[in-house]
Amino acid sequence: MFVKEMTRADCTALLWACRLGRLACSYNDQPYVVPIYYAFDGHHLYSFSMPGKKLLWMRENPRVCIEIDDCSKHPGWRSVVVDGLYEELTGPRDRHYAWSLLQQHANWWEPGALTPDPPLLSSHSDHLFYRIWIEHIAGRQAACGER
């Protein structure tokens, strides 16, 4: 088995193909990793959350990374790491855009499946949409055969 670097095009293709990633954030030198469902629009990763530890930590330190992997081809695997910045989406247009991307996929958290009608987009809603501005992307893959 050989491990090799993935091209940017290969990394982006994996982001398009997958929906589940592991988001890592850090606060006071303590790391925290959680699974998230995301949608990719070619430039940013979009996701949804209810209030909690992850949001509190990302508000304090917006530098995050997301790891996405695919182990469906045995033997072999692909893994991409995205370094980026967390941005909370507060405007109705941005929130609706994030929801429109996420709702295209059946496998994102059920509370977020509610249509973000104007009452859900108000500042009183527990629904929070955010995006990750991609600063850097890199990946590796392992496969049998030639290098």
N, C-alpha and C. Protein backbone atom coordinates (compact mmCIF):
# COMPACT_ATOMS: atom_id res chain seq x y z
N MET A 1 0.84 -1.17 0.00
CA MET A 1 0.00 0.00 0.00
C MET A 1 0.90 1.24 0.00
N PHE A 2 0.49 2.22 -0.79
CA PHE A 2 1.25 3.46 -0.90
C PHE A 2 0.38 4.63 -0.46
N VAL A 3 1.00 5.57 0.24
CA VAL A 3 0.32 6.79 0.66
C VAL A 3 0.87 7.93 -0.17
N LYS A 4 -0.03 8.74 -0.72
CA LYS A 4 0.41 9.88 -1.52
C LYS A 4 -0.46 11.09 -1.26
N GLU A 5 0.08 12.26 -1.56
CA GLU A 5 -0.65 13.51 -1.42
C GLU A 5 -1.77 13.58 -2.45
N MET A 6 -2.88 14.14 -2.08
CA MET A 6 -3.98 14.34 -3.00
C MET A 6 -3.85 15.73 -3.63
N THR A 7 -4.29 15.87 -4.86
CA THR A 7 -4.30 17.19 -5.50
C THR A 7 -5.44 18.01 -4.90
N ARG A 8 -5.41 19.31 -5.13
CA ARG A 8 -6.50 20.16 -4.65
C ARG A 8 -7.83 19.70 -5.27
N ALA A 9 -7.80 19.33 -6.55
CA ALA A 9 -9.01 18.86 -7.22
C ALA A 9 -9.54 17.59 -6.55
N ASP A 10 -8.64 16.67 -6.18
CA ASP A 10 -9.05 15.44 -5.49
C ASP A 10 -9.64 15.77 -4.11
N CYS A 11 -9.03 16.72 -3.42
CA CYS A 11 -9.53 17.13 -2.10
C CYS A 11 -10.93 17.71 -2.22
N THR A 12 -11.12 18.59 -3.20
CA THR A 12 -12.43 19.22 -3.39
C THR A 12 -13.47 18.18 -3.79
N ALA A 13 -13.09 17.22 -4.61
CA ALA A 13 -14.02 16.15 -5.00
C ALA A 13 -14.49 15.37 -3.77
N LEU A 14 -13.61 15.13 -2.81
CA LEU A 14 -14.01 14.42 -1.60
C LEU A 14 -14.96 15.28 -0.77
N LEU A 15 -14.72 16.59 -0.72
CA LEU A 15 -15.63 17.48 0.01
C LEU A 15 -17.04 17.44 -0.60
N TRP A 16 -17.11 17.40 -1.93
CA TRP A 16 -18.40 17.32 -2.61
C TRP A 16 -19.07 15.97 -2.34
N ALA A 17 -18.29 14.90 -2.31
CA ALA A 17 -18.85 13.55 -2.21
C ALA A 17 -19.32 13.18 -0.81
N CYS A 18 -18.71 13.74 0.21
CA CYS A 18 -19.03 13.38 1.59
C CYS A 18 -19.94 14.40 2.24
N ARG A 19 -20.53 14.03 3.34
CA ARG A 19 -21.40 14.93 4.11
C ARG A 19 -21.03 14.98 5.58
N LEU A 20 -20.27 14.00 6.05
CA LEU A 20 -19.92 13.91 7.47
C LEU A 20 -18.45 14.23 7.65
N GLY A 21 -18.17 15.13 8.57
CA GLY A 21 -16.80 15.48 8.90
C GLY A 21 -16.63 15.55 10.41
N ARG A 22 -15.41 15.73 10.83
CA ARG A 22 -15.11 15.91 12.25
C ARG A 22 -14.53 17.29 12.43
N LEU A 23 -15.25 18.12 13.17
CA LEU A 23 -14.84 19.50 13.40
C LEU A 23 -14.02 19.58 14.68
N ALA A 24 -12.85 20.19 14.58
CA ALA A 24 -12.00 20.39 15.75
C ALA A 24 -11.92 21.88 16.05
N CYS A 25 -12.14 22.21 17.31
CA CYS A 25 -11.97 23.58 17.77
C CYS A 25 -11.17 23.54 19.07
N SER A 26 -10.76 24.70 19.53
CA SER A 26 -9.91 24.74 20.71
C SER A 26 -10.23 25.99 21.52
N TYR A 27 -10.17 25.82 22.84
CA TYR A 27 -10.40 26.95 23.75
C TYR A 27 -9.52 26.73 24.98
N ASN A 28 -8.79 27.76 25.36
CA ASN A 28 -7.87 27.67 26.51
C ASN A 28 -6.96 26.45 26.41
N ASP A 29 -6.40 26.23 25.23
CA ASP A 29 -5.46 25.13 24.97
C ASP A 29 -6.08 23.75 25.14
N GLN A 30 -7.40 23.65 25.11
CA GLN A 30 -8.07 22.36 25.19
C GLN A 30 -8.76 22.07 23.86
N PRO A 31 -8.38 21.00 23.16
CA PRO A 31 -9.06 20.66 21.90
C PRO A 31 -10.40 19.98 22.15
N TYR A 32 -11.26 20.09 21.16
CA TYR A 32 -12.60 19.48 21.20
C TYR A 32 -12.95 19.07 19.78
N VAL A 33 -13.37 17.81 19.60
CA VAL A 33 -13.69 17.30 18.27
C VAL A 33 -15.10 16.71 18.29
N VAL A 34 -15.91 17.11 17.30
CA VAL A 34 -17.28 16.60 17.20
C VAL A 34 -17.61 16.30 15.74
N PRO A 35 -18.46 15.30 15.51
CA PRO A 35 -18.90 15.05 14.13
C PRO A 35 -19.94 16.10 13.72
N ILE A 36 -19.88 16.50 12.46
CA ILE A 36 -20.89 17.43 11.93
C ILE A 36 -21.27 16.99 10.52
N TYR A 37 -22.50 17.28 10.16
CA TYR A 37 -22.90 17.17 8.77
C TYR A 37 -22.67 18.53 8.15
N TYR A 38 -22.24 18.55 6.91
CA TYR A 38 -21.93 19.81 6.25
C TYR A 38 -22.41 19.77 4.81
N ALA A 39 -22.45 20.94 4.22
CA ALA A 39 -22.69 21.09 2.78
C ALA A 39 -21.57 21.96 2.24
N PHE A 40 -21.14 21.67 1.05
CA PHE A 40 -20.03 22.38 0.41
C PHE A 40 -20.57 23.10 -0.82
N ASP A 41 -20.19 24.36 -0.97
CA ASP A 41 -20.66 25.11 -2.14
C ASP A 41 -19.54 25.45 -3.11
N GLY A 42 -18.38 24.83 -2.93
CA GLY A 42 -17.24 25.10 -3.78
C GLY A 42 -16.27 26.08 -3.17
N HIS A 43 -16.71 26.82 -2.14
CA HIS A 43 -15.87 27.83 -1.50
C HIS A 43 -15.85 27.71 0.03
N HIS A 44 -16.98 27.31 0.61
CA HIS A 44 -17.14 27.25 2.06
C HIS A 44 -17.82 25.94 2.44
N LEU A 45 -17.65 25.57 3.71
CA LEU A 45 -18.41 24.48 4.29
C LEU A 45 -19.50 25.11 5.16
N TYR A 46 -20.73 24.63 5.03
CA TYR A 46 -21.85 25.15 5.79
C TYR A 46 -22.36 24.08 6.72
N SER A 47 -22.77 24.49 7.92
CA SER A 47 -23.32 23.54 8.87
C SER A 47 -24.32 24.23 9.78
N PHE A 48 -24.90 23.43 10.68
CA PHE A 48 -25.97 23.84 11.55
C PHE A 48 -25.67 23.34 12.96
N SER A 49 -26.11 24.09 13.95
CA SER A 49 -25.93 23.63 15.32
C SER A 49 -27.00 24.23 16.22
N MET A 50 -27.26 23.54 17.28
CA MET A 50 -28.03 24.10 18.38
C MET A 50 -27.00 24.68 19.35
N PRO A 51 -27.43 25.54 20.28
CA PRO A 51 -26.48 26.11 21.24
C PRO A 51 -25.75 25.03 22.03
N GLY A 52 -24.50 25.28 22.36
CA GLY A 52 -23.73 24.32 23.13
C GLY A 52 -22.25 24.65 23.14
N LYS A 53 -21.48 23.72 23.64
CA LYS A 53 -20.04 23.87 23.83
C LYS A 53 -19.32 24.24 22.54
N LYS A 54 -19.64 23.54 21.46
CA LYS A 54 -18.96 23.78 20.19
C LYS A 54 -19.09 25.24 19.77
N LEU A 55 -20.31 25.78 19.83
CA LEU A 55 -20.53 27.17 19.43
C LEU A 55 -19.82 28.15 20.36
N LEU A 56 -19.90 27.90 21.65
CA LEU A 56 -19.22 28.79 22.59
C LEU A 56 -17.71 28.83 22.31
N TRP A 57 -17.14 27.67 22.05
CA TRP A 57 -15.70 27.61 21.81
C TRP A 57 -15.34 28.28 20.49
N MET A 58 -16.13 28.05 19.44
CA MET A 58 -15.81 28.66 18.14
C MET A 58 -15.99 30.17 18.18
N ARG A 59 -16.91 30.66 18.99
CA ARG A 59 -17.06 32.11 19.14
C ARG A 59 -15.83 32.71 19.80
N GLU A 60 -15.25 31.99 20.74
CA GLU A 60 -14.05 32.47 21.43
C GLU A 60 -12.79 32.34 20.57
N ASN A 61 -12.73 31.27 19.79
CA ASN A 61 -11.57 31.03 18.93
C ASN A 61 -12.09 30.50 17.59
N PRO A 62 -12.22 31.38 16.59
CA PRO A 62 -12.81 30.98 15.31
C PRO A 62 -11.92 30.10 14.43
N ARG A 63 -10.69 29.85 14.82
CA ARG A 63 -9.81 28.99 14.03
C ARG A 63 -10.19 27.53 14.27
N VAL A 64 -10.58 26.85 13.20
CA VAL A 64 -11.04 25.47 13.30
C VAL A 64 -10.42 24.63 12.21
N CYS A 65 -10.57 23.33 12.31
CA CYS A 65 -10.25 22.46 11.19
C CYS A 65 -11.31 21.36 11.13
N ILE A 66 -11.49 20.85 9.94
CA ILE A 66 -12.45 19.78 9.71
C ILE A 66 -11.73 18.67 8.96
N GLU A 67 -11.92 17.45 9.44
CA GLU A 67 -11.33 16.27 8.80
C GLU A 67 -12.46 15.48 8.17
N ILE A 68 -12.28 15.13 6.89
CA ILE A 68 -13.25 14.34 6.15
C ILE A 68 -12.51 13.13 5.61
N ASP A 69 -13.10 11.94 5.76
CA ASP A 69 -12.41 10.77 5.23
C ASP A 69 -13.38 9.85 4.52
N ASP A 70 -12.79 8.98 3.72
CA ASP A 70 -13.55 7.98 2.98
C ASP A 70 -12.75 6.69 3.04
N CYS A 71 -13.34 5.69 3.65
CA CYS A 71 -12.70 4.37 3.76
C CYS A 71 -13.51 3.32 3.01
N SER A 72 -14.29 3.74 2.04
CA SER A 72 -15.20 2.81 1.36
C SER A 72 -14.51 1.89 0.37
N LYS A 73 -13.31 2.24 -0.06
CA LYS A 73 -12.58 1.38 -1.01
C LYS A 73 -11.52 0.61 -0.24
N HIS A 74 -11.80 -0.67 -0.05
CA HIS A 74 -10.87 -1.48 0.73
C HIS A 74 -10.02 -2.33 -0.21
N PRO A 75 -8.75 -2.43 -0.09
CA PRO A 75 -7.98 -1.66 0.87
C PRO A 75 -7.72 -0.25 0.35
N GLY A 76 -7.60 0.67 1.22
CA GLY A 76 -7.31 2.04 0.86
C GLY A 76 -8.19 3.02 1.61
N TRP A 77 -7.83 4.28 1.54
CA TRP A 77 -8.58 5.34 2.19
C TRP A 77 -8.19 6.68 1.60
N ARG A 78 -9.01 7.69 1.85
CA ARG A 78 -8.72 9.08 1.49
C ARG A 78 -9.08 9.95 2.69
N SER A 79 -8.28 10.97 2.94
CA SER A 79 -8.53 11.85 4.07
C SER A 79 -8.14 13.28 3.70
N VAL A 80 -9.03 14.22 4.01
CA VAL A 80 -8.79 15.64 3.72
C VAL A 80 -8.94 16.43 5.02
N VAL A 81 -8.05 17.39 5.22
CA VAL A 81 -8.14 18.30 6.36
C VAL A 81 -8.28 19.72 5.82
N VAL A 82 -9.31 20.40 6.31
CA VAL A 82 -9.59 21.78 5.94
C VAL A 82 -9.27 22.65 7.16
N ASP A 83 -8.40 23.63 6.99
CA ASP A 83 -8.16 24.64 8.01
C ASP A 83 -8.96 25.86 7.62
N GLY A 84 -9.64 26.45 8.59
CA GLY A 84 -10.45 27.61 8.24
C GLY A 84 -10.91 28.41 9.42
N LEU A 85 -11.81 29.35 9.11
CA LEU A 85 -12.35 30.26 10.11
C LEU A 85 -13.86 30.10 10.21
N TYR A 86 -14.34 30.00 11.44
CA TYR A 86 -15.76 29.92 11.74
C TYR A 86 -16.40 31.29 11.57
N GLU A 87 -17.58 31.30 10.94
CA GLU A 87 -18.37 32.52 10.85
C GLU A 87 -19.83 32.18 11.10
N GLU A 88 -20.41 32.78 12.11
CA GLU A 88 -21.82 32.60 12.42
C GLU A 88 -22.65 33.39 11.41
N LEU A 89 -23.69 32.77 10.89
CA LEU A 89 -24.53 33.43 9.90
C LEU A 89 -25.74 34.03 10.60
N THR A 90 -25.82 35.35 10.58
CA THR A 90 -26.89 36.04 11.30
C THR A 90 -27.93 36.65 10.38
N GLY A 91 -27.55 36.97 9.16
CA GLY A 91 -28.50 37.59 8.24
C GLY A 91 -29.44 36.57 7.62
N PRO A 92 -30.69 36.96 7.37
CA PRO A 92 -31.67 36.03 6.78
C PRO A 92 -31.21 35.42 5.45
N ARG A 93 -30.59 36.19 4.60
CA ARG A 93 -30.16 35.67 3.30
C ARG A 93 -29.09 34.59 3.46
N ASP A 94 -28.09 34.85 4.30
CA ASP A 94 -27.02 33.87 4.53
C ASP A 94 -27.56 32.61 5.21
N ARG A 95 -28.43 32.79 6.18
CA ARG A 95 -29.01 31.63 6.88
C ARG A 95 -29.85 30.79 5.94
N HIS A 96 -30.63 31.43 5.11
CA HIS A 96 -31.47 30.68 4.16
C HIS A 96 -30.60 29.95 3.14
N TYR A 97 -29.52 30.59 2.69
CA TYR A 97 -28.61 29.95 1.75
C TYR A 97 -28.02 28.68 2.36
N ALA A 98 -27.55 28.78 3.61
CA ALA A 98 -26.98 27.61 4.30
C ALA A 98 -28.03 26.51 4.41
N TRP A 99 -29.23 26.87 4.84
CA TRP A 99 -30.30 25.88 4.97
C TRP A 99 -30.61 25.24 3.62
N SER A 100 -30.64 26.05 2.55
CA SER A 100 -30.98 25.50 1.23
C SER A 100 -29.96 24.46 0.78
N LEU A 101 -28.69 24.67 1.13
CA LEU A 101 -27.66 23.67 0.80
C LEU A 101 -27.80 22.42 1.66
N LEU A 102 -27.97 22.61 2.95
CA LEU A 102 -28.03 21.48 3.87
C LEU A 102 -29.26 20.62 3.65
N GLN A 103 -30.40 21.23 3.40
CA GLN A 103 -31.64 20.46 3.29
C GLN A 103 -31.70 19.59 2.05
N GLN A 104 -30.75 19.74 1.15
CA GLN A 104 -30.70 18.89 -0.03
C GLN A 104 -30.27 17.46 0.31
N HIS A 105 -29.76 17.27 1.52
CA HIS A 105 -29.23 15.98 1.94
C HIS A 105 -30.02 15.46 3.14
N ALA A 106 -30.40 14.23 3.07
CA ALA A 106 -31.25 13.63 4.10
C ALA A 106 -30.51 13.42 5.42
N ASN A 107 -29.21 13.41 5.41
CA ASN A 107 -28.48 12.99 6.61
C ASN A 107 -27.90 14.14 7.43
N TRP A 108 -28.68 15.18 7.65
CA TRP A 108 -28.20 16.20 8.58
C TRP A 108 -29.17 16.25 9.75
N TRP A 109 -28.74 16.83 10.85
CA TRP A 109 -29.47 16.73 12.12
C TRP A 109 -30.92 17.14 11.97
N GLU A 110 -31.80 16.31 12.51
CA GLU A 110 -33.25 16.47 12.37
C GLU A 110 -33.78 17.84 12.80
N PRO A 111 -33.36 18.42 13.93
CA PRO A 111 -33.94 19.73 14.28
C PRO A 111 -33.70 20.77 13.19
N GLY A 112 -32.63 20.63 12.45
CA GLY A 112 -32.33 21.60 11.41
C GLY A 112 -33.15 21.42 10.17
N ALA A 113 -33.91 20.34 10.08
CA ALA A 113 -34.70 20.08 8.89
C ALA A 113 -35.92 20.98 8.81
N LEU A 114 -36.18 21.75 9.85
CA LEU A 114 -37.28 22.68 9.80
C LEU A 114 -36.98 23.80 8.81
N THR A 115 -37.95 24.19 8.03
CA THR A 115 -37.77 25.29 7.10
C THR A 115 -37.50 26.57 7.87
N PRO A 116 -36.46 27.32 7.52
CA PRO A 116 -36.15 28.54 8.28
C PRO A 116 -37.05 29.70 7.85
N ASP A 117 -38.35 29.57 8.14
CA ASP A 117 -39.28 30.66 7.88
C ASP A 117 -38.88 31.86 8.72
N PRO A 118 -39.41 33.02 8.45
CA PRO A 118 -39.01 34.21 9.21
C PRO A 118 -38.96 34.04 10.72
N PRO A 119 -39.91 33.34 11.39
CA PRO A 119 -39.77 33.19 12.84
C PRO A 119 -38.50 32.46 13.24
N LEU A 120 -38.08 31.45 12.45
CA LEU A 120 -36.85 30.73 12.78
C LEU A 120 -35.60 31.57 12.50
N LEU A 121 -35.73 32.55 11.65
CA LEU A 121 -34.57 33.37 11.31
C LEU A 121 -34.43 34.55 12.26
N SER A 122 -35.34 34.71 13.18
CA SER A 122 -35.25 35.82 14.12
C SER A 122 -34.11 35.56 15.10
N SER A 123 -33.77 36.57 15.85
CA SER A 123 -32.68 36.43 16.81
C SER A 123 -33.07 35.54 17.99
N HIS A 124 -34.35 35.15 18.09
CA HIS A 124 -34.81 34.31 19.19
C HIS A 124 -34.75 32.82 18.87
N SER A 125 -34.34 32.48 17.69
CA SER A 125 -34.29 31.09 17.28
C SER A 125 -33.08 30.39 17.88
N ASP A 126 -33.28 29.12 18.27
CA ASP A 126 -32.15 28.31 18.74
C ASP A 126 -31.34 27.75 17.57
N HIS A 127 -31.90 27.78 16.37
CA HIS A 127 -31.21 27.28 15.19
C HIS A 127 -30.07 28.23 14.84
N LEU A 128 -28.89 27.67 14.63
CA LEU A 128 -27.76 28.50 14.26
C LEU A 128 -27.08 27.87 13.06
N PHE A 129 -26.90 28.66 12.03
CA PHE A 129 -26.18 28.23 10.85
C PHE A 129 -24.83 28.94 10.83
N TYR A 130 -23.83 28.23 10.32
CA TYR A 130 -22.50 28.83 10.24
C TYR A 130 -21.79 28.30 9.01
N ARG A 131 -20.72 29.01 8.66
CA ARG A 131 -19.89 28.54 7.56
C ARG A 131 -18.44 28.56 8.02
N ILE A 132 -17.66 27.74 7.34
CA ILE A 132 -16.22 27.71 7.55
C ILE A 132 -15.57 28.25 6.29
N TRP A 133 -14.86 29.35 6.46
CA TRP A 133 -14.08 29.92 5.35
C TRP A 133 -12.84 29.07 5.20
N ILE A 134 -12.68 28.45 4.06
CA ILE A 134 -11.55 27.55 3.83
C ILE A 134 -10.29 28.38 3.57
N GLU A 135 -9.30 28.22 4.44
CA GLU A 135 -8.01 28.89 4.27
C GLU A 135 -6.99 27.96 3.62
N HIS A 136 -7.05 26.68 3.99
CA HIS A 136 -6.07 25.72 3.49
C HIS A 136 -6.75 24.36 3.43
N ILE A 137 -6.40 23.60 2.42
CA ILE A 137 -6.95 22.26 2.26
C ILE A 137 -5.83 21.33 1.80
N ALA A 138 -5.76 20.16 2.41
CA ALA A 138 -4.75 19.17 2.04
C ALA A 138 -5.31 17.78 2.28
N GLY A 139 -4.80 16.83 1.54
CA GLY A 139 -5.29 15.47 1.71
C GLY A 139 -4.26 14.43 1.34
N ARG A 140 -4.50 13.23 1.81
CA ARG A 140 -3.67 12.07 1.47
C ARG A 140 -4.58 10.91 1.17
N GLN A 141 -4.03 9.99 0.40
CA GLN A 141 -4.78 8.76 0.10
C GLN A 141 -3.83 7.59 0.08
N ALA A 142 -4.38 6.44 0.40
CA ALA A 142 -3.60 5.21 0.37
C ALA A 142 -4.31 4.22 -0.54
N ALA A 143 -3.53 3.54 -1.33
CA ALA A 143 -4.09 2.55 -2.24
C ALA A 143 -3.03 1.52 -2.59
N CYS A 144 -3.49 0.38 -3.05
CA CYS A 144 -2.58 -0.64 -3.54
C CYS A 144 -2.16 -0.30 -4.96
N GLY A 145 -1.04 -0.80 -5.36
CA GLY A 145 -0.63 -0.60 -6.74
C GLY A 145 0.55 0.34 -6.86
N GLU A 146 0.62 0.98 -8.02
CA GLU A 146 1.75 1.86 -8.31
C GLU A 146 1.71 3.13 -7.49
N ARG A 147 2.90 3.69 -7.34
CA ARG A 147 3.02 4.95 -6.61
C ARG A 147 2.54 6.09 -7.45
